[in-house]
Amino acid sequence: MWYLAYGSNMESGTLRGRRGITVTRAVAVHVPGWRVVFDKPPLFPIGEAFANIVADPGAEALGVVFEVSADDLAHIELSEGVPIGNYRRVELRVEPLVACPDAPLTAVSLATDRLRPSTRYMELLISGALEHGLPAEYVEALWAVPTVEPSATARALRPLIDAAMHGLRRSRPS
């Protein structure tokens, strides 16, 4: 199997050493239609972000594809948190940077969906921007931000969060 690394797994010391993966071959590639971003929160909040790939028709990601066994790919996915939804497997078209006999045409990698703000949250931002006379171009840009409907969990937690925030204000010493 071919696994595309675009973050720290590109380094041999990480993939082979820290993760214990046996690599048969490695090929430097570009991945049309994808972009590397550095917005991935870690499994545990430590104040840092990690690499992620996102679909972007006009972009091109760079990385290294490694030929690995199915067991090693399963270990990569386990160590990257795929079973708990930290990443998901994606199949990508890859092209070698230099001519390479028997280079793969596809590889699997790991990506996360970028979170989008809720419609509720963006309505609050837009309302505040309008209330305070922020420039029309800015308000238009806010209207253009892709949103999602609040999840059932977010809707259920909202009253609890609001009550907790209100309670914090009351409990502050004067």
N, C-alpha and C. Protein backbone atom coordinates (compact mmCIF):
# COMPACT_ATOMS: atom_id res chain seq x y z
N MET A 1 0.84 -1.17 0.00
CA MET A 1 0.00 0.00 0.00
C MET A 1 0.89 1.24 0.00
N TRP A 2 0.37 2.33 -0.52
CA TRP A 2 1.09 3.59 -0.54
C TRP A 2 0.40 4.57 0.41
N TYR A 3 1.19 5.13 1.29
CA TYR A 3 0.71 6.09 2.29
C TYR A 3 1.38 7.44 2.02
N LEU A 4 0.58 8.49 1.89
CA LEU A 4 1.10 9.83 1.69
C LEU A 4 1.30 10.51 3.03
N ALA A 5 2.53 10.94 3.29
CA ALA A 5 2.85 11.75 4.46
C ALA A 5 3.08 13.18 3.98
N TYR A 6 2.49 14.14 4.67
CA TYR A 6 2.66 15.56 4.32
C TYR A 6 3.08 16.37 5.54
N GLY A 7 3.12 15.74 6.70
CA GLY A 7 3.51 16.40 7.94
C GLY A 7 4.76 15.76 8.50
N SER A 8 4.79 15.59 9.81
CA SER A 8 6.00 15.09 10.46
C SER A 8 6.34 13.65 10.06
N ASN A 9 5.37 12.90 9.56
CA ASN A 9 5.66 11.53 9.11
C ASN A 9 6.56 11.50 7.87
N MET A 10 6.79 12.64 7.22
CA MET A 10 7.74 12.67 6.10
C MET A 10 9.15 12.38 6.60
N GLU A 11 9.43 12.71 7.84
CA GLU A 11 10.77 12.49 8.40
C GLU A 11 10.94 11.02 8.78
N SER A 12 12.03 10.43 8.33
CA SER A 12 12.29 9.02 8.61
C SER A 12 12.32 8.73 10.11
N GLY A 13 12.90 9.63 10.89
CA GLY A 13 12.99 9.42 12.32
C GLY A 13 11.63 9.32 12.98
N THR A 14 10.65 10.00 12.42
CA THR A 14 9.29 9.92 12.97
C THR A 14 8.59 8.66 12.48
N LEU A 15 8.55 8.46 11.17
CA LEU A 15 7.80 7.34 10.62
C LEU A 15 8.44 6.00 10.96
N ARG A 16 9.72 5.88 10.69
CA ARG A 16 10.40 4.60 10.95
C ARG A 16 10.75 4.43 12.42
N GLY A 17 11.24 5.50 13.03
CA GLY A 17 11.72 5.42 14.40
C GLY A 17 10.61 5.46 15.41
N ARG A 18 9.99 6.62 15.55
CA ARG A 18 8.99 6.82 16.60
C ARG A 18 7.76 5.95 16.40
N ARG A 19 7.32 5.80 15.14
CA ARG A 19 6.11 5.02 14.87
C ARG A 19 6.42 3.54 14.59
N GLY A 20 7.69 3.21 14.31
CA GLY A 20 8.08 1.82 14.08
C GLY A 20 7.56 1.24 12.77
N ILE A 21 7.44 2.06 11.74
CA ILE A 21 6.91 1.63 10.45
C ILE A 21 8.04 1.15 9.55
N THR A 22 7.83 0.03 8.89
CA THR A 22 8.78 -0.49 7.92
C THR A 22 8.41 0.05 6.55
N VAL A 23 9.33 0.76 5.92
CA VAL A 23 9.09 1.38 4.62
C VAL A 23 9.84 0.60 3.55
N THR A 24 9.13 0.23 2.48
CA THR A 24 9.76 -0.47 1.37
C THR A 24 10.39 0.51 0.39
N ARG A 25 9.62 1.56 0.02
CA ARG A 25 10.11 2.59 -0.90
C ARG A 25 9.49 3.92 -0.51
N ALA A 26 10.13 5.01 -0.95
CA ALA A 26 9.62 6.36 -0.73
C ALA A 26 9.76 7.15 -2.02
N VAL A 27 8.73 7.93 -2.35
CA VAL A 27 8.74 8.73 -3.57
C VAL A 27 8.18 10.12 -3.24
N ALA A 28 8.92 11.17 -3.58
CA ALA A 28 8.43 12.55 -3.41
C ALA A 28 7.36 12.81 -4.48
N VAL A 29 6.23 13.38 -4.06
CA VAL A 29 5.10 13.57 -4.98
C VAL A 29 4.45 14.93 -4.78
N HIS A 30 3.63 15.29 -5.78
CA HIS A 30 2.70 16.38 -5.57
C HIS A 30 1.31 15.82 -5.74
N VAL A 31 0.35 16.48 -5.09
CA VAL A 31 -1.02 16.00 -5.02
C VAL A 31 -1.94 17.11 -5.53
N PRO A 32 -2.32 17.03 -6.81
CA PRO A 32 -3.18 18.08 -7.36
C PRO A 32 -4.54 18.11 -6.66
N GLY A 33 -5.04 19.33 -6.45
CA GLY A 33 -6.36 19.49 -5.88
C GLY A 33 -6.42 19.45 -4.36
N TRP A 34 -5.25 19.45 -3.72
CA TRP A 34 -5.19 19.46 -2.26
C TRP A 34 -4.17 20.49 -1.81
N ARG A 35 -4.34 21.00 -0.59
CA ARG A 35 -3.43 22.00 -0.03
C ARG A 35 -3.07 21.59 1.39
N VAL A 36 -1.82 21.78 1.76
CA VAL A 36 -1.39 21.55 3.13
C VAL A 36 -1.67 22.81 3.93
N VAL A 37 -2.32 22.63 5.07
CA VAL A 37 -2.60 23.73 6.00
C VAL A 37 -2.10 23.31 7.38
N PHE A 38 -1.97 24.24 8.25
CA PHE A 38 -1.47 23.96 9.59
C PHE A 38 -2.51 24.39 10.62
N ASP A 39 -3.65 23.70 10.57
CA ASP A 39 -4.78 24.06 11.41
C ASP A 39 -5.31 22.90 12.25
N LYS A 40 -4.60 21.78 12.25
CA LYS A 40 -5.09 20.57 12.91
C LYS A 40 -4.82 20.64 14.41
N PRO A 41 -5.88 20.67 15.23
CA PRO A 41 -5.63 20.62 16.66
C PRO A 41 -5.12 19.24 17.06
N PRO A 42 -4.31 19.16 18.10
CA PRO A 42 -3.80 17.86 18.55
C PRO A 42 -4.89 17.09 19.30
N LEU A 43 -4.61 15.81 19.55
CA LEU A 43 -5.55 15.00 20.34
C LEU A 43 -5.75 15.59 21.73
N PHE A 44 -4.67 16.11 22.31
CA PHE A 44 -4.73 16.72 23.63
C PHE A 44 -4.33 18.19 23.48
N PRO A 45 -5.10 19.11 24.07
CA PRO A 45 -4.81 20.54 23.88
C PRO A 45 -3.46 20.93 24.50
N ILE A 46 -2.51 21.24 23.61
CA ILE A 46 -1.17 21.63 24.07
C ILE A 46 -0.75 22.98 23.50
N GLY A 47 -1.70 23.67 22.84
CA GLY A 47 -1.40 25.00 22.33
C GLY A 47 -0.65 25.03 21.02
N GLU A 48 -0.69 23.95 20.27
CA GLU A 48 -0.01 23.87 18.98
C GLU A 48 -0.98 23.36 17.93
N ALA A 49 -0.64 23.57 16.66
CA ALA A 49 -1.41 23.02 15.56
C ALA A 49 -0.49 22.14 14.71
N PHE A 50 -1.08 21.21 14.00
CA PHE A 50 -0.32 20.30 13.15
C PHE A 50 -0.80 20.40 11.72
N ALA A 51 -0.09 19.73 10.82
CA ALA A 51 -0.43 19.75 9.39
C ALA A 51 -1.72 18.97 9.14
N ASN A 52 -2.41 19.41 8.12
CA ASN A 52 -3.64 18.80 7.65
C ASN A 52 -3.69 19.04 6.15
N ILE A 53 -4.47 18.27 5.43
CA ILE A 53 -4.69 18.56 4.02
C ILE A 53 -6.17 18.81 3.80
N VAL A 54 -6.45 19.76 2.92
CA VAL A 54 -7.82 20.09 2.58
C VAL A 54 -7.95 20.14 1.07
N ALA A 55 -9.11 19.73 0.59
CA ALA A 55 -9.38 19.79 -0.84
C ALA A 55 -9.38 21.25 -1.28
N ASP A 56 -8.70 21.52 -2.39
CA ASP A 56 -8.63 22.87 -2.95
C ASP A 56 -8.30 22.70 -4.43
N PRO A 57 -9.31 22.82 -5.30
CA PRO A 57 -9.11 22.53 -6.72
C PRO A 57 -7.96 23.28 -7.38
N GLY A 58 -7.62 24.47 -6.91
CA GLY A 58 -6.56 25.24 -7.53
C GLY A 58 -5.19 25.07 -6.90
N ALA A 59 -5.07 24.17 -5.95
CA ALA A 59 -3.82 24.03 -5.20
C ALA A 59 -3.12 22.72 -5.53
N GLU A 60 -1.95 22.59 -4.91
CA GLU A 60 -1.16 21.38 -5.07
C GLU A 60 -0.37 21.17 -3.78
N ALA A 61 -0.61 20.03 -3.14
CA ALA A 61 0.14 19.69 -1.93
C ALA A 61 1.39 18.93 -2.32
N LEU A 62 2.41 19.00 -1.48
CA LEU A 62 3.63 18.22 -1.67
C LEU A 62 3.77 17.27 -0.49
N GLY A 63 4.39 16.13 -0.74
CA GLY A 63 4.61 15.17 0.32
C GLY A 63 5.45 14.01 -0.17
N VAL A 64 5.45 12.96 0.62
CA VAL A 64 6.21 11.75 0.30
C VAL A 64 5.27 10.57 0.44
N VAL A 65 5.23 9.71 -0.60
CA VAL A 65 4.47 8.47 -0.47
C VAL A 65 5.43 7.36 -0.08
N PHE A 66 5.00 6.58 0.88
CA PHE A 66 5.78 5.46 1.38
C PHE A 66 5.04 4.17 1.08
N GLU A 67 5.75 3.19 0.57
CA GLU A 67 5.16 1.88 0.39
C GLU A 67 5.24 1.15 1.73
N VAL A 68 4.09 0.80 2.28
CA VAL A 68 4.01 0.16 3.60
C VAL A 68 3.05 -1.03 3.52
N SER A 69 3.14 -1.89 4.51
CA SER A 69 2.22 -3.03 4.57
C SER A 69 0.86 -2.56 5.09
N ALA A 70 -0.14 -3.39 4.88
CA ALA A 70 -1.48 -3.09 5.40
C ALA A 70 -1.44 -2.97 6.93
N ASP A 71 -0.65 -3.83 7.58
CA ASP A 71 -0.52 -3.75 9.04
C ASP A 71 0.12 -2.44 9.49
N ASP A 72 1.15 -2.00 8.76
CA ASP A 72 1.79 -0.74 9.11
C ASP A 72 0.84 0.44 8.89
N LEU A 73 0.05 0.39 7.81
CA LEU A 73 -0.92 1.46 7.58
C LEU A 73 -1.95 1.47 8.71
N ALA A 74 -2.39 0.31 9.14
CA ALA A 74 -3.33 0.23 10.26
C ALA A 74 -2.71 0.84 11.52
N HIS A 75 -1.41 0.60 11.73
CA HIS A 75 -0.72 1.17 12.90
C HIS A 75 -0.63 2.70 12.78
N ILE A 76 -0.33 3.20 11.58
CA ILE A 76 -0.30 4.66 11.37
C ILE A 76 -1.66 5.24 11.72
N GLU A 77 -2.71 4.63 11.19
CA GLU A 77 -4.06 5.14 11.44
C GLU A 77 -4.42 5.09 12.93
N LEU A 78 -4.02 4.03 13.60
CA LEU A 78 -4.27 3.93 15.03
C LEU A 78 -3.52 5.02 15.79
N SER A 79 -2.24 5.21 15.46
CA SER A 79 -1.43 6.20 16.18
C SER A 79 -1.85 7.63 15.86
N GLU A 80 -2.53 7.84 14.74
CA GLU A 80 -3.01 9.17 14.38
C GLU A 80 -4.46 9.42 14.82
N GLY A 81 -5.07 8.42 15.46
CA GLY A 81 -6.41 8.63 16.01
C GLY A 81 -7.55 8.44 15.04
N VAL A 82 -7.35 7.71 13.95
CA VAL A 82 -8.45 7.48 13.01
C VAL A 82 -9.65 6.79 13.69
N PRO A 83 -9.43 5.76 14.53
CA PRO A 83 -10.58 5.09 15.14
C PRO A 83 -11.46 5.99 16.02
N ILE A 84 -10.90 7.09 16.51
CA ILE A 84 -11.70 7.99 17.36
C ILE A 84 -12.09 9.28 16.62
N GLY A 85 -11.89 9.30 15.30
CA GLY A 85 -12.32 10.44 14.49
C GLY A 85 -11.36 11.61 14.44
N ASN A 86 -10.12 11.42 14.89
CA ASN A 86 -9.14 12.50 14.82
C ASN A 86 -8.76 12.80 13.37
N TYR A 87 -8.70 11.79 12.54
CA TYR A 87 -8.48 11.89 11.10
C TYR A 87 -9.40 10.90 10.43
N ARG A 88 -9.54 11.02 9.12
CA ARG A 88 -10.22 10.02 8.30
C ARG A 88 -9.31 9.69 7.13
N ARG A 89 -9.46 8.48 6.60
CA ARG A 89 -8.65 8.06 5.45
C ARG A 89 -9.23 8.66 4.18
N VAL A 90 -8.34 9.17 3.32
CA VAL A 90 -8.73 9.67 2.01
C VAL A 90 -7.82 9.03 0.97
N GLU A 91 -8.37 8.79 -0.22
CA GLU A 91 -7.56 8.29 -1.32
C GLU A 91 -7.31 9.45 -2.28
N LEU A 92 -6.06 9.60 -2.68
CA LEU A 92 -5.64 10.76 -3.46
C LEU A 92 -4.89 10.34 -4.72
N ARG A 93 -5.01 11.15 -5.75
CA ARG A 93 -4.19 10.98 -6.95
C ARG A 93 -2.86 11.67 -6.68
N VAL A 94 -1.77 10.97 -6.95
CA VAL A 94 -0.44 11.54 -6.72
C VAL A 94 0.38 11.46 -7.99
N GLU A 95 1.34 12.37 -8.11
CA GLU A 95 2.24 12.40 -9.26
C GLU A 95 3.66 12.59 -8.74
N PRO A 96 4.61 11.73 -9.16
CA PRO A 96 5.99 11.88 -8.68
C PRO A 96 6.60 13.20 -9.14
N LEU A 97 7.46 13.77 -8.32
CA LEU A 97 8.13 15.02 -8.68
C LEU A 97 9.18 14.79 -9.77
N VAL A 98 9.81 13.63 -9.77
CA VAL A 98 10.76 13.27 -10.81
C VAL A 98 10.38 11.89 -11.34
N ALA A 99 10.75 11.63 -12.58
CA ALA A 99 10.41 10.34 -13.19
C ALA A 99 10.87 9.20 -12.29
N CYS A 100 9.95 8.27 -12.07
CA CYS A 100 10.24 7.17 -11.16
C CYS A 100 9.53 5.93 -11.69
N PRO A 101 10.30 4.88 -12.02
CA PRO A 101 9.64 3.67 -12.51
C PRO A 101 8.73 3.07 -11.43
N ASP A 102 7.59 2.62 -11.84
CA ASP A 102 6.62 1.98 -10.95
C ASP A 102 6.12 2.90 -9.84
N ALA A 103 6.15 4.21 -10.08
CA ALA A 103 5.62 5.14 -9.08
C ALA A 103 4.12 4.96 -8.98
N PRO A 104 3.56 5.13 -7.79
CA PRO A 104 2.12 4.95 -7.63
C PRO A 104 1.34 6.10 -8.28
N LEU A 105 0.11 5.82 -8.65
CA LEU A 105 -0.78 6.84 -9.18
C LEU A 105 -1.74 7.33 -8.11
N THR A 106 -1.93 6.50 -7.08
CA THR A 106 -2.79 6.87 -5.97
C THR A 106 -2.11 6.47 -4.66
N ALA A 107 -2.55 7.11 -3.61
CA ALA A 107 -2.07 6.78 -2.26
C ALA A 107 -3.18 7.12 -1.29
N VAL A 108 -3.11 6.55 -0.11
CA VAL A 108 -4.05 6.93 0.94
C VAL A 108 -3.33 7.85 1.91
N SER A 109 -4.10 8.72 2.51
CA SER A 109 -3.54 9.63 3.51
C SER A 109 -4.61 9.89 4.54
N LEU A 110 -4.31 10.77 5.47
CA LEU A 110 -5.23 11.11 6.53
C LEU A 110 -5.52 12.60 6.49
N ALA A 111 -6.78 12.95 6.67
CA ALA A 111 -7.20 14.34 6.63
C ALA A 111 -8.32 14.54 7.64
N THR A 112 -8.57 15.77 7.98
CA THR A 112 -9.73 16.11 8.81
C THR A 112 -10.53 17.16 8.08
N ASP A 113 -11.80 17.14 8.35
CA ASP A 113 -12.65 18.17 7.79
C ASP A 113 -12.44 19.44 8.60
N ARG A 114 -12.36 20.53 7.90
CA ARG A 114 -12.22 21.80 8.59
C ARG A 114 -13.55 22.14 9.23
N LEU A 115 -13.49 22.62 10.43
CA LEU A 115 -14.72 23.01 11.10
C LEU A 115 -15.20 24.33 10.53
N ARG A 116 -16.50 24.48 10.50
CA ARG A 116 -17.10 25.73 10.05
C ARG A 116 -17.88 26.33 11.21
N PRO A 117 -17.98 27.64 11.23
CA PRO A 117 -18.78 28.26 12.30
C PRO A 117 -20.26 27.96 12.07
N SER A 118 -21.01 28.00 13.15
CA SER A 118 -22.44 27.76 13.03
C SER A 118 -23.13 29.01 12.49
N THR A 119 -24.32 28.79 11.95
CA THR A 119 -25.12 29.92 11.49
C THR A 119 -25.43 30.85 12.67
N ARG A 120 -25.68 30.27 13.86
CA ARG A 120 -25.96 31.07 15.05
C ARG A 120 -24.79 31.98 15.38
N TYR A 121 -23.58 31.43 15.36
CA TYR A 121 -22.39 32.20 15.68
C TYR A 121 -22.16 33.33 14.67
N MET A 122 -22.28 33.01 13.39
CA MET A 122 -22.05 34.04 12.37
C MET A 122 -23.12 35.12 12.42
N GLU A 123 -24.36 34.74 12.76
CA GLU A 123 -25.41 35.75 12.90
C GLU A 123 -25.06 36.73 14.02
N LEU A 124 -24.46 36.23 15.10
CA LEU A 124 -24.03 37.11 16.19
C LEU A 124 -22.93 38.07 15.72
N LEU A 125 -21.95 37.54 14.96
CA LEU A 125 -20.87 38.39 14.46
C LEU A 125 -21.42 39.47 13.53
N ILE A 126 -22.28 39.07 12.61
CA ILE A 126 -22.84 40.01 11.65
C ILE A 126 -23.68 41.06 12.36
N SER A 127 -24.49 40.63 13.32
CA SER A 127 -25.31 41.57 14.09
C SER A 127 -24.42 42.59 14.80
N GLY A 128 -23.35 42.11 15.43
CA GLY A 128 -22.43 43.02 16.12
C GLY A 128 -21.73 43.96 15.16
N ALA A 129 -21.33 43.45 14.00
CA ALA A 129 -20.67 44.30 13.00
C ALA A 129 -21.61 45.39 12.51
N LEU A 130 -22.87 45.03 12.26
CA LEU A 130 -23.85 46.01 11.81
C LEU A 130 -24.17 47.02 12.92
N GLU A 131 -24.33 46.50 14.13
CA GLU A 131 -24.66 47.36 15.28
C GLU A 131 -23.62 48.46 15.47
N HIS A 132 -22.35 48.15 15.21
CA HIS A 132 -21.29 49.12 15.48
C HIS A 132 -20.73 49.77 14.22
N GLY A 133 -21.44 49.61 13.10
CA GLY A 133 -21.09 50.33 11.88
C GLY A 133 -19.79 49.90 11.23
N LEU A 134 -19.43 48.62 11.36
CA LEU A 134 -18.22 48.16 10.66
C LEU A 134 -18.46 48.26 9.16
N PRO A 135 -17.39 48.40 8.36
CA PRO A 135 -17.54 48.61 6.93
C PRO A 135 -18.38 47.53 6.23
N ALA A 136 -19.13 47.98 5.24
CA ALA A 136 -20.03 47.09 4.49
C ALA A 136 -19.26 45.92 3.85
N GLU A 137 -18.02 46.19 3.40
CA GLU A 137 -17.22 45.12 2.77
C GLU A 137 -16.93 44.01 3.78
N TYR A 138 -16.70 44.40 5.02
CA TYR A 138 -16.44 43.41 6.07
C TYR A 138 -17.69 42.59 6.35
N VAL A 139 -18.82 43.25 6.44
CA VAL A 139 -20.08 42.55 6.68
C VAL A 139 -20.37 41.59 5.53
N GLU A 140 -20.13 42.03 4.31
CA GLU A 140 -20.33 41.15 3.15
C GLU A 140 -19.41 39.93 3.23
N ALA A 141 -18.17 40.14 3.65
CA ALA A 141 -17.24 39.01 3.80
C ALA A 141 -17.74 38.04 4.87
N LEU A 142 -18.31 38.56 5.95
CA LEU A 142 -18.87 37.70 6.99
C LEU A 142 -20.04 36.88 6.45
N TRP A 143 -20.90 37.51 5.64
CA TRP A 143 -22.03 36.79 5.05
C TRP A 143 -21.54 35.66 4.13
N ALA A 144 -20.35 35.81 3.56
CA ALA A 144 -19.83 34.81 2.61
C ALA A 144 -19.17 33.62 3.30
N VAL A 145 -18.95 33.68 4.61
CA VAL A 145 -18.29 32.58 5.32
C VAL A 145 -19.21 31.36 5.33
N PRO A 146 -18.72 30.21 4.86
CA PRO A 146 -19.55 29.00 4.90
C PRO A 146 -19.85 28.61 6.34
N THR A 147 -21.10 28.23 6.59
CA THR A 147 -21.53 27.88 7.95
C THR A 147 -22.20 26.51 7.96
N VAL A 148 -22.44 26.03 9.15
CA VAL A 148 -23.22 24.81 9.35
C VAL A 148 -24.29 25.11 10.39
N GLU A 149 -25.36 24.35 10.34
CA GLU A 149 -26.39 24.48 11.36
C GLU A 149 -25.81 23.96 12.68
N PRO A 150 -26.17 24.56 13.79
CA PRO A 150 -25.67 24.05 15.07
C PRO A 150 -26.07 22.58 15.26
N SER A 151 -25.16 21.79 15.77
CA SER A 151 -25.44 20.37 16.01
C SER A 151 -26.42 20.22 17.17
N ALA A 152 -27.01 19.04 17.28
CA ALA A 152 -27.91 18.76 18.40
C ALA A 152 -27.17 18.92 19.73
N THR A 153 -25.91 18.48 19.76
CA THR A 153 -25.12 18.61 20.98
C THR A 153 -24.91 20.08 21.32
N ALA A 154 -24.57 20.89 20.32
CA ALA A 154 -24.35 22.32 20.57
C ALA A 154 -25.64 22.97 21.05
N ARG A 155 -26.76 22.62 20.44
CA ARG A 155 -28.05 23.20 20.87
C ARG A 155 -28.37 22.79 22.30
N ALA A 156 -28.09 21.53 22.65
CA ALA A 156 -28.38 21.05 24.00
C ALA A 156 -27.47 21.70 25.03
N LEU A 157 -26.21 21.93 24.67
CA LEU A 157 -25.25 22.51 25.62
C LEU A 157 -25.36 24.03 25.76
N ARG A 158 -25.92 24.70 24.75
CA ARG A 158 -25.95 26.17 24.76
C ARG A 158 -26.57 26.73 26.04
N PRO A 159 -27.74 26.27 26.51
CA PRO A 159 -28.30 26.84 27.75
C PRO A 159 -27.39 26.60 28.96
N LEU A 160 -26.74 25.44 29.00
CA LEU A 160 -25.84 25.14 30.12
C LEU A 160 -24.62 26.06 30.10
N ILE A 161 -24.06 26.26 28.91
CA ILE A 161 -22.90 27.15 28.77
C ILE A 161 -23.28 28.58 29.12
N ASP A 162 -24.45 29.02 28.61
CA ASP A 162 -24.90 30.39 28.91
C ASP A 162 -25.11 30.57 30.41
N ALA A 163 -25.72 29.58 31.06
CA ALA A 163 -25.95 29.66 32.51
C ALA A 163 -24.63 29.69 33.28
N ALA A 164 -23.67 28.85 32.85
CA ALA A 164 -22.37 28.82 33.52
C ALA A 164 -21.65 30.16 33.36
N MET A 165 -21.70 30.73 32.15
CA MET A 165 -21.04 32.02 31.93
C MET A 165 -21.71 33.11 32.77
N HIS A 166 -23.03 33.07 32.85
CA HIS A 166 -23.76 34.05 33.65
C HIS A 166 -23.42 33.87 35.13
N GLY A 167 -23.31 32.61 35.56
CA GLY A 167 -22.95 32.32 36.95
C GLY A 167 -21.56 32.80 37.29
N LEU A 168 -20.63 32.70 36.35
CA LEU A 168 -19.26 33.19 36.59
C LEU A 168 -19.28 34.69 36.87
N ARG A 169 -20.08 35.40 36.15
CA ARG A 169 -20.16 36.85 36.36
C ARG A 169 -20.68 37.16 37.74
N ARG A 170 -21.67 36.44 38.20
CA ARG A 170 -22.25 36.69 39.51
C ARG A 170 -21.30 36.33 40.64
N SER A 171 -20.46 35.33 40.42
CA SER A 171 -19.60 34.87 41.50
C SER A 171 -18.29 35.66 41.61
N ARG A 172 -18.07 36.60 40.69
CA ARG A 172 -16.85 37.42 40.77
C ARG A 172 -16.90 38.33 41.97
N PRO A 173 -15.79 38.45 42.68
CA PRO A 173 -15.77 39.40 43.80
C PRO A 173 -15.87 40.83 43.29
N SER A 174 -16.53 41.66 44.06
CA SER A 174 -16.72 43.07 43.68
C SER A 174 -15.50 43.90 43.97
